[in-house]
Amino acid sequence: MLTRRDFGLGLGALGLAGGPPALAQNLRVMKVANTAAVNDPQQCFVTAGQHPKLNFYKRGGVDVEYVNMSNMTQALQSLRGGHVDFGPAVPGILLPAMAKDPTLDLVSVYKWLPRNANVIVVKPGSPIKSAADLAGKRIGVRSQGDSGIVVTRTMLAELGLKDDKCEYIAIGDGAPAGAAIDNDRVDAMVSFDTAAARVELIGTRLRYVPITPKFAQVGSGWICVPRKLLKEERKALVALFRGIAKSTIFAHNNLDAGIDLHWAVYPESRPKGRSEEEVRKELAFVLKDRKNSWMRRPDDPDQRIGASSLAEWKANIEMTAESSKNPKLAEELGDPNRLFTNELIDEINAFDKQAVVEMAKAFKL
C-alpha cells in the first residue's frame, strides 16, 4: 500500500518490520503485506493511529503489524496461505491472477488511494510530450515485477496503441533511478508520485507528462482480504479500517505530527546521521501530492472513506483486459460484484470526522 507498489518472491523472503508488542491479551494483530519493503513515514496514514496518544486501533481490539515483501506474487501467496491478513490490490496484477486461479478468493474491501497517484516523468528536454509517445520507448520501472509495466500497457491500450516494442528496464529507486534518467538509459519512468519525488530529491530534473484521461479517473490503491477472513472476522476488519480512516484524516491534516507519531512508534525508521529538519523537508516534498491522493476528489459522488463502485471495477476489468491482451478476462472473472464490497464502509465511517480534523490541527506530541 505504500511507497512502492509491487509484491513477489517466495515466502522465505518475508521480513518483519519491528513494532511495539501487543499489550492487550485479546488484541487481534492484523498483518499487512508491506510492498514498500521498508517501514517509513510515508505509511503514517496507517501508523499514526498506533501511537498511544491517538490509540485508533487498540480501543477497537486490533493492531497492525507490517510484513515486508517485494512484489504482488509474494503478497498473493501470503494472503492465500494466511501469512498476512490484508494487502494492497493492484487491479492490473490481481485480476489476471484471479482469472487464472479461481481458488484465489480475495475481495477488495477498502480504497486507500482514491485518486490516481501514477506518474510519467522524463528529462526536461525529452521529445516525449504525451502518454502516446511512450510506445516503442525504453521505460524505467522499479523492477521487472513492478506495476509501472501494467500502468504503461494500460495507458497505451486506452489510446489504441501497443507496447510490444517497449523495453522495460529495472532502474530501482532514488539515486539509481535518477542516474538511469540522467544518463539516458531510459526514455521515461512510469512510477508512483512518491518514487518520482525521491528521484527529484537527489537532484535529477524531471518533467511530468499527463497520464491518459480515462486512466486518470480511476483510483490507484485498494486493500484486499481473503473472503474467508471477511466472513469470520468482520468486527476486527471494521475496527482495522476505521483506524486507518482516522489515521488518514489525521495525517492529511497534520503531516508533521503524522511523521512524528510514525517515528515514535517505529524509531528504527528514523534516518541516522542527518538532521531532523533536512529529513522532514524531504518527506514534505515526497508527500506533497500523495497526501491529497489519500483523500477523495471533491467531485466524487461518494465521499465515504474507503468506498468503491461497480463502475470503477468494470473500468478496471476493461483496462486490464486491454493491457493483458486478454479479451475474455471479464468472462473468466464472472460477476464483477464479487471483486469488491462496500459492506464494511458505513461502519468504518461511523465516527466524527471533524473531531479527528480538529484533533490533528491542535495536536502536539
Protein backbone atom coordinates (compact mmCIF):
# COMPACT_ATOMS: atom_id res chain seq x y z
CA MET A 1 0.00 0.00 0.00
CA LEU A 2 2.61 2.29 0.14
CA THR A 3 5.73 3.96 -1.02
CA ARG A 4 6.19 1.41 -3.80
CA ARG A 5 3.69 -0.86 -5.23
CA ASP A 6 4.58 -4.41 -6.11
CA PHE A 7 4.82 -7.74 -4.29
CA GLY A 8 6.85 -11.13 -5.33
CA LEU A 9 9.48 -13.81 -4.35
CA GLY A 10 8.97 -16.82 -2.13
CA LEU A 11 7.64 -16.83 1.39
CA GLY A 12 11.10 -17.47 2.75
CA ALA A 13 11.97 -13.85 1.92
CA LEU A 14 9.43 -12.44 4.36
CA GLY A 15 10.78 -9.94 6.88
CA LEU A 16 9.03 -8.34 9.81
CA ALA A 17 9.15 -4.60 10.42
CA GLY A 18 9.53 -4.32 14.15
CA GLY A 19 6.86 -2.56 16.17
CA PRO A 20 5.59 -2.32 19.73
CA PRO A 21 4.38 -5.63 21.16
CA ALA A 22 0.67 -6.20 21.62
CA LEU A 23 -0.22 -5.29 25.19
CA ALA A 24 -3.81 -6.45 25.38
CA GLN A 25 -4.21 -10.17 25.84
CA ASN A 26 -7.09 -10.43 23.36
CA LEU A 27 -5.71 -7.93 20.85
CA ARG A 28 -6.12 -9.13 17.25
CA VAL A 29 -2.92 -8.20 15.42
CA MET A 30 -3.70 -7.81 11.71
CA LYS A 31 -0.68 -8.44 9.47
CA VAL A 32 -0.31 -6.35 6.33
CA ALA A 33 1.70 -7.22 3.21
CA ASN A 34 4.04 -4.22 3.06
CA THR A 35 5.01 -3.81 -0.59
CA ALA A 36 7.33 -0.90 0.22
CA ALA A 37 9.72 -3.49 1.68
CA VAL A 38 10.62 -0.93 4.36
CA ASN A 39 8.65 0.83 7.04
CA ASP A 40 8.94 4.61 6.71
CA PRO A 41 6.84 7.72 7.44
CA GLN A 42 5.08 7.57 4.07
CA GLN A 43 2.95 4.99 5.86
CA CYS A 44 1.82 7.44 8.54
CA PHE A 45 -1.68 7.35 7.06
CA VAL A 46 -1.82 3.93 8.74
CA THR A 47 0.75 4.12 11.53
CA ALA A 48 -0.13 7.45 13.18
CA GLY A 49 -3.09 5.86 14.92
CA GLN A 50 -0.91 3.21 16.52
CA HIS A 51 0.57 5.77 18.91
CA PRO A 52 -0.96 5.64 22.43
CA LYS A 53 -1.85 9.32 22.27
CA LEU A 54 -4.26 8.56 19.42
CA ASN A 55 -4.96 4.88 20.07
CA PHE A 56 -7.15 4.49 16.97
CA TYR A 57 -6.69 0.72 16.75
CA LYS A 58 -6.33 -0.87 20.17
CA ARG A 59 -9.53 0.61 21.52
CA GLY A 60 -11.23 -1.46 18.80
CA GLY A 61 -9.32 -4.58 19.81
CA VAL A 62 -6.90 -4.63 16.87
CA ASP A 63 -3.40 -3.54 15.91
CA VAL A 64 -1.26 -3.56 12.75
CA GLU A 65 1.95 -5.48 12.05
CA TYR A 66 3.97 -4.92 8.89
CA VAL A 67 5.35 -7.87 6.93
CA ASN A 68 7.89 -6.71 4.34
CA MET A 69 7.82 -8.18 0.85
CA SER A 70 8.81 -7.17 -2.62
CA ASN A 71 6.05 -7.83 -5.14
CA MET A 72 2.49 -8.89 -5.86
CA THR A 73 3.23 -12.58 -6.28
CA GLN A 74 4.57 -12.82 -2.77
CA ALA A 75 1.65 -10.90 -1.33
CA LEU A 76 -0.89 -13.08 -3.09
CA GLN A 77 0.88 -16.20 -1.87
CA SER A 78 0.94 -14.78 1.65
CA LEU A 79 -2.75 -13.86 1.59
CA ARG A 80 -3.73 -17.28 0.29
CA GLY A 81 -1.59 -19.03 2.89
CA GLY A 82 -2.83 -16.92 5.80
CA HIS A 83 0.62 -15.48 6.49
CA VAL A 84 -0.86 -11.97 6.24
CA ASP A 85 -4.42 -10.72 6.71
CA PHE A 86 -4.62 -7.87 4.23
CA GLY A 87 -2.60 -6.27 1.46
CA PRO A 88 -2.68 -3.86 -1.47
CA ALA A 89 -4.73 -4.77 -4.54
CA VAL A 90 -3.30 -3.63 -7.87
CA PRO A 91 -6.08 -4.46 -10.39
CA GLY A 92 -3.72 -4.85 -13.34
CA ILE A 93 -1.90 -7.63 -11.48
CA LEU A 94 -4.63 -9.00 -9.19
CA LEU A 95 -7.38 -9.53 -11.79
CA PRO A 96 -5.38 -11.73 -14.21
CA ALA A 97 -4.18 -13.78 -11.23
CA MET A 98 -7.75 -14.31 -10.01
CA ALA A 99 -8.94 -15.19 -13.52
CA LYS A 100 -6.15 -17.75 -13.89
CA ASP A 101 -6.66 -19.25 -10.43
CA PRO A 102 -10.31 -19.30 -9.21
CA THR A 103 -9.16 -20.54 -5.79
CA LEU A 104 -7.54 -17.14 -5.18
CA ASP A 105 -10.64 -15.87 -3.40
CA LEU A 106 -9.79 -12.29 -2.49
CA VAL A 107 -12.11 -9.31 -2.18
CA SER A 108 -11.21 -5.61 -2.12
CA VAL A 109 -12.83 -4.02 0.91
CA TYR A 110 -11.24 -0.57 1.24
CA LYS A 111 -9.92 2.00 -1.26
CA TRP A 112 -6.97 3.65 0.44
CA LEU A 113 -5.77 5.70 -2.54
CA PRO A 114 -8.91 7.12 -4.21
CA ARG A 115 -7.04 9.39 -6.62
CA ASN A 116 -4.65 8.19 -9.32
CA ALA A 117 -1.11 8.59 -7.99
CA ASN A 118 0.74 7.19 -11.02
CA VAL A 119 3.03 9.49 -12.98
CA ILE A 120 5.06 9.61 -16.19
CA VAL A 121 8.32 11.54 -15.86
CA VAL A 122 11.01 12.43 -18.41
CA LYS A 123 14.03 14.72 -18.69
CA PRO A 124 13.02 18.37 -19.27
CA GLY A 125 14.25 18.33 -22.88
CA SER A 126 12.67 14.99 -23.80
CA PRO A 127 10.66 14.77 -27.03
CA ILE A 128 8.02 12.77 -25.12
CA LYS A 129 5.02 15.08 -24.71
CA SER A 130 2.17 12.65 -24.09
CA ALA A 131 1.50 9.09 -22.97
CA ALA A 132 1.16 8.11 -26.63
CA ASP A 133 4.84 8.88 -27.10
CA LEU A 134 5.75 6.01 -24.74
CA ALA A 135 5.08 3.46 -27.49
CA GLY A 136 8.33 1.83 -28.54
CA LYS A 137 10.38 3.60 -25.86
CA ARG A 138 12.65 2.41 -23.04
CA ILE A 139 10.51 2.65 -19.90
CA GLY A 140 12.15 2.78 -16.48
CA VAL A 141 10.35 0.80 -13.76
CA ARG A 142 11.38 -0.13 -10.25
CA SER A 143 11.72 -3.85 -11.01
CA GLN A 144 10.55 -6.39 -13.56
CA GLY A 145 7.59 -7.20 -11.29
CA ASP A 146 6.66 -3.55 -10.91
CA SER A 147 3.15 -2.24 -11.61
CA GLY A 148 4.68 0.53 -13.75
CA ILE A 149 4.72 -2.04 -16.56
CA VAL A 150 0.97 -2.67 -16.20
CA VAL A 151 0.31 1.08 -15.94
CA THR A 152 2.18 1.75 -19.19
CA ARG A 153 0.31 -1.02 -21.00
CA THR A 154 -3.00 0.26 -19.63
CA MET A 155 -2.43 3.81 -20.87
CA LEU A 156 -1.21 2.72 -24.30
CA ALA A 157 -4.16 0.33 -24.65
CA GLU A 158 -6.53 3.20 -23.80
CA LEU A 159 -5.02 5.08 -26.74
CA GLY A 160 -5.32 2.10 -29.07
CA LEU A 161 -1.56 1.54 -29.06
CA LYS A 162 0.57 -1.50 -28.27
CA ASP A 163 3.57 -1.84 -26.00
CA ASP A 164 5.13 -4.72 -27.94
CA LYS A 165 8.11 -2.58 -28.90
CA CYS A 166 8.57 -1.03 -25.45
CA GLU A 167 11.58 -2.10 -23.40
CA TYR A 168 11.00 -2.19 -19.65
CA ILE A 169 14.21 -1.57 -17.72
CA ALA A 170 14.54 -2.07 -13.96
CA ILE A 171 16.16 1.08 -12.54
CA GLY A 172 15.33 0.80 -8.82
CA ASP A 173 14.54 3.83 -6.69
CA GLY A 174 16.10 7.15 -5.75
CA ALA A 175 19.70 7.68 -6.89
CA PRO A 176 19.93 4.62 -9.21
CA ALA A 177 16.69 5.66 -10.93
CA GLY A 178 17.90 9.25 -11.23
CA ALA A 179 21.20 8.12 -12.75
CA ALA A 180 19.35 5.99 -15.31
CA ILE A 181 17.31 9.02 -16.37
CA ASP A 182 20.25 11.45 -16.34
CA ASN A 183 22.44 9.08 -18.35
CA ASP A 184 19.69 8.34 -20.93
CA ARG A 185 19.49 4.64 -20.08
CA VAL A 186 15.71 5.10 -20.25
CA ASP A 187 13.47 7.48 -22.15
CA ALA A 188 10.88 7.81 -19.38
CA MET A 189 9.99 6.48 -15.96
CA VAL A 190 6.48 5.30 -15.06
CA SER A 191 6.00 5.09 -11.33
CA PHE A 192 4.13 6.47 -8.33
CA ASP A 193 4.31 10.15 -7.39
CA THR A 194 6.38 9.39 -4.28
CA ALA A 195 9.02 7.48 -6.26
CA ALA A 196 9.34 10.36 -8.75
CA ALA A 197 9.67 12.85 -5.89
CA ARG A 198 12.54 10.82 -4.43
CA VAL A 199 14.31 10.98 -7.79
CA GLU A 200 13.91 14.77 -7.82
CA LEU A 201 15.33 14.95 -4.30
CA ILE A 202 18.68 13.53 -5.44
CA GLY A 203 18.99 16.34 -7.99
CA THR A 204 17.57 14.85 -11.18
CA ARG A 205 15.37 17.36 -13.01
CA LEU A 206 12.10 15.90 -14.25
CA ARG A 207 9.17 16.97 -16.39
CA TYR A 208 5.79 15.40 -15.68
CA VAL A 209 3.79 14.09 -18.65
CA PRO A 210 -0.01 13.81 -18.22
CA ILE A 211 -1.43 10.33 -17.76
CA THR A 212 -4.30 9.31 -20.03
CA PRO A 213 -7.78 10.78 -19.29
CA LYS A 214 -9.68 7.54 -18.66
CA PHE A 215 -6.95 6.06 -16.51
CA ALA A 216 -6.64 9.33 -14.56
CA GLN A 217 -10.20 8.97 -13.28
CA VAL A 218 -9.56 5.60 -11.62
CA GLY A 219 -8.20 5.23 -8.10
CA SER A 220 -4.83 3.59 -7.68
CA GLY A 221 -4.91 1.81 -4.35
CA TRP A 222 -7.26 -0.75 -2.80
CA ILE A 223 -6.82 -3.17 0.08
CA CYS A 224 -7.99 -6.75 -0.25
CA VAL A 225 -8.57 -9.57 2.21
CA PRO A 226 -9.36 -13.27 1.86
CA ARG A 227 -13.14 -13.70 1.62
CA LYS A 228 -12.97 -16.24 4.45
CA LEU A 229 -11.46 -13.60 6.75
CA LEU A 230 -14.19 -11.12 5.81
CA LYS A 231 -16.81 -13.64 6.83
CA GLU A 232 -15.12 -14.78 10.03
CA GLU A 233 -13.59 -11.55 11.40
CA ARG A 234 -15.87 -8.79 10.22
CA LYS A 235 -15.76 -6.88 13.51
CA ALA A 236 -11.95 -6.85 13.58
CA LEU A 237 -11.79 -5.65 9.97
CA VAL A 238 -14.20 -2.79 10.69
CA ALA A 239 -12.00 -1.73 13.63
CA LEU A 240 -8.86 -2.03 11.49
CA PHE A 241 -10.12 0.09 8.62
CA ARG A 242 -11.79 2.62 10.90
CA GLY A 243 -8.35 3.06 12.48
CA ILE A 244 -6.81 3.53 9.03
CA ALA A 245 -9.53 6.03 8.08
CA LYS A 246 -8.91 8.06 11.24
CA SER A 247 -5.14 7.90 10.76
CA THR A 248 -5.52 9.05 7.15
CA ILE A 249 -7.59 12.09 8.12
CA PHE A 250 -5.16 12.89 10.93
CA ALA A 251 -2.02 12.65 8.75
CA HIS A 252 -3.64 14.61 5.92
CA ASN A 253 -4.45 17.50 8.25
CA ASN A 254 -1.18 17.45 10.23
CA LEU A 255 1.54 15.72 8.25
CA ASP A 256 4.31 16.84 10.61
CA ALA A 257 2.54 15.21 13.54
CA GLY A 258 1.88 12.09 11.47
CA ILE A 259 5.60 11.81 10.76
CA ASP A 260 6.45 12.36 14.44
CA LEU A 261 3.99 9.67 15.50
CA HIS A 262 5.37 7.21 12.97
CA TRP A 263 8.91 7.77 14.24
CA ALA A 264 7.72 7.39 17.83
CA VAL A 265 6.07 4.05 17.08
CA TYR A 266 8.86 2.83 14.77
CA PRO A 267 12.05 4.57 16.00
CA GLU A 268 14.22 2.33 13.82
CA SER A 269 12.71 4.04 10.75
CA ARG A 270 14.18 7.43 11.67
CA PRO A 271 17.16 8.16 9.35
CA LYS A 272 20.53 8.16 11.07
CA GLY A 273 23.26 10.78 10.72
CA ARG A 274 21.04 13.51 9.27
CA SER A 275 19.30 16.49 10.79
CA GLU A 276 15.61 16.20 11.55
CA GLU A 277 14.98 19.43 9.64
CA GLU A 278 16.56 18.01 6.48
CA VAL A 279 14.67 14.72 6.71
CA ARG A 280 11.35 16.42 7.43
CA LYS A 281 11.81 18.76 4.47
CA GLU A 282 12.41 15.79 2.19
CA LEU A 283 9.35 13.93 3.48
CA ALA A 284 7.18 17.01 2.97
CA PHE A 285 8.36 17.09 -0.66
CA VAL A 286 7.81 13.36 -1.20
CA LEU A 287 4.30 13.51 0.26
CA LYS A 288 3.24 16.87 -1.22
CA ASP A 289 0.99 15.16 -3.78
CA ARG A 290 0.44 11.84 -2.06
CA LYS A 291 -1.28 13.35 1.00
CA ASN A 292 -4.00 14.71 -1.27
CA SER A 293 -4.34 11.38 -3.08
CA TRP A 294 -5.23 9.82 0.29
CA MET A 295 -8.46 11.84 0.16
CA ARG A 296 -11.38 11.58 -2.24
CA ARG A 297 -11.77 14.14 -5.01
CA PRO A 298 -14.20 16.93 -4.10
CA ASP A 299 -16.39 15.99 -7.08
CA ASP A 300 -16.57 12.30 -6.10
CA PRO A 301 -20.27 11.45 -5.67
CA ASP A 302 -19.44 9.00 -2.86
CA GLN A 303 -17.48 10.76 -0.12
CA ARG A 304 -17.36 7.76 2.22
CA ILE A 305 -13.78 6.88 3.10
CA GLY A 306 -12.76 3.57 1.54
CA ALA A 307 -15.81 3.15 -0.72
CA SER A 308 -15.58 1.60 -4.20
CA SER A 309 -18.05 1.48 -7.09
CA LEU A 310 -19.14 -1.13 -9.57
CA ALA A 311 -18.42 1.31 -12.40
CA GLU A 312 -14.75 1.69 -11.45
CA TRP A 313 -14.26 -2.06 -11.09
CA LYS A 314 -15.80 -2.59 -14.51
CA ALA A 315 -13.34 0.03 -15.76
CA ASN A 316 -10.52 -1.83 -14.01
CA ILE A 317 -11.54 -5.04 -15.77
CA GLU A 318 -11.79 -3.32 -19.14
CA MET A 319 -8.39 -1.65 -18.81
CA THR A 320 -6.76 -4.83 -17.50
CA ALA A 321 -8.25 -6.86 -20.35
CA GLU A 322 -6.67 -4.42 -22.80
CA SER A 323 -3.29 -4.22 -21.03
CA SER A 324 -3.06 -8.01 -20.52
CA LYS A 325 -4.28 -8.67 -24.08
CA ASN A 326 -6.99 -10.99 -22.76
CA PRO A 327 -10.38 -10.12 -24.30
CA LYS A 328 -12.01 -12.91 -22.27
CA LEU A 329 -10.93 -11.52 -18.88
CA ALA A 330 -14.41 -10.28 -17.89
CA GLU A 331 -15.92 -13.65 -18.79
CA GLU A 332 -13.24 -15.52 -16.83
CA LEU A 333 -13.73 -13.33 -13.75
CA GLY A 334 -17.51 -13.62 -13.78
CA ASP A 335 -19.70 -11.26 -11.76
CA PRO A 336 -17.63 -8.10 -11.11
CA ASN A 337 -19.52 -7.56 -7.85
CA ARG A 338 -17.50 -10.41 -6.34
CA LEU A 339 -14.26 -8.44 -6.72
CA PHE A 340 -15.12 -5.78 -4.15
CA THR A 341 -17.56 -4.99 -1.39
CA ASN A 342 -18.76 -1.88 0.44
CA GLU A 343 -20.38 -3.89 3.21
CA LEU A 344 -17.97 -2.54 5.85
CA ILE A 345 -17.90 1.05 4.65
CA ASP A 346 -20.79 2.57 6.60
CA GLU A 347 -19.49 1.08 9.86
CA ILE A 348 -15.94 2.17 9.06
CA ASN A 349 -17.20 5.74 8.56
CA ALA A 350 -19.26 5.77 11.77
CA PHE A 351 -17.10 8.30 13.61
CA ASP A 352 -16.85 12.07 13.91
CA LYS A 353 -14.50 13.05 11.09
CA GLN A 354 -14.46 16.73 12.02
CA ALA A 355 -13.36 15.81 15.53
CA VAL A 356 -10.34 13.99 14.07
CA VAL A 357 -9.56 17.03 11.88
CA GLU A 358 -9.66 19.31 14.92
CA MET A 359 -7.58 16.86 16.94
CA ALA A 360 -4.95 16.79 14.19
CA LYS A 361 -4.75 20.56 13.87
CA ALA A 362 -4.30 21.04 17.61
CA PHE A 363 -2.03 18.02 18.22
CA LYS A 364 1.44 18.25 19.71
CA LEU A 365 3.45 15.17 20.62
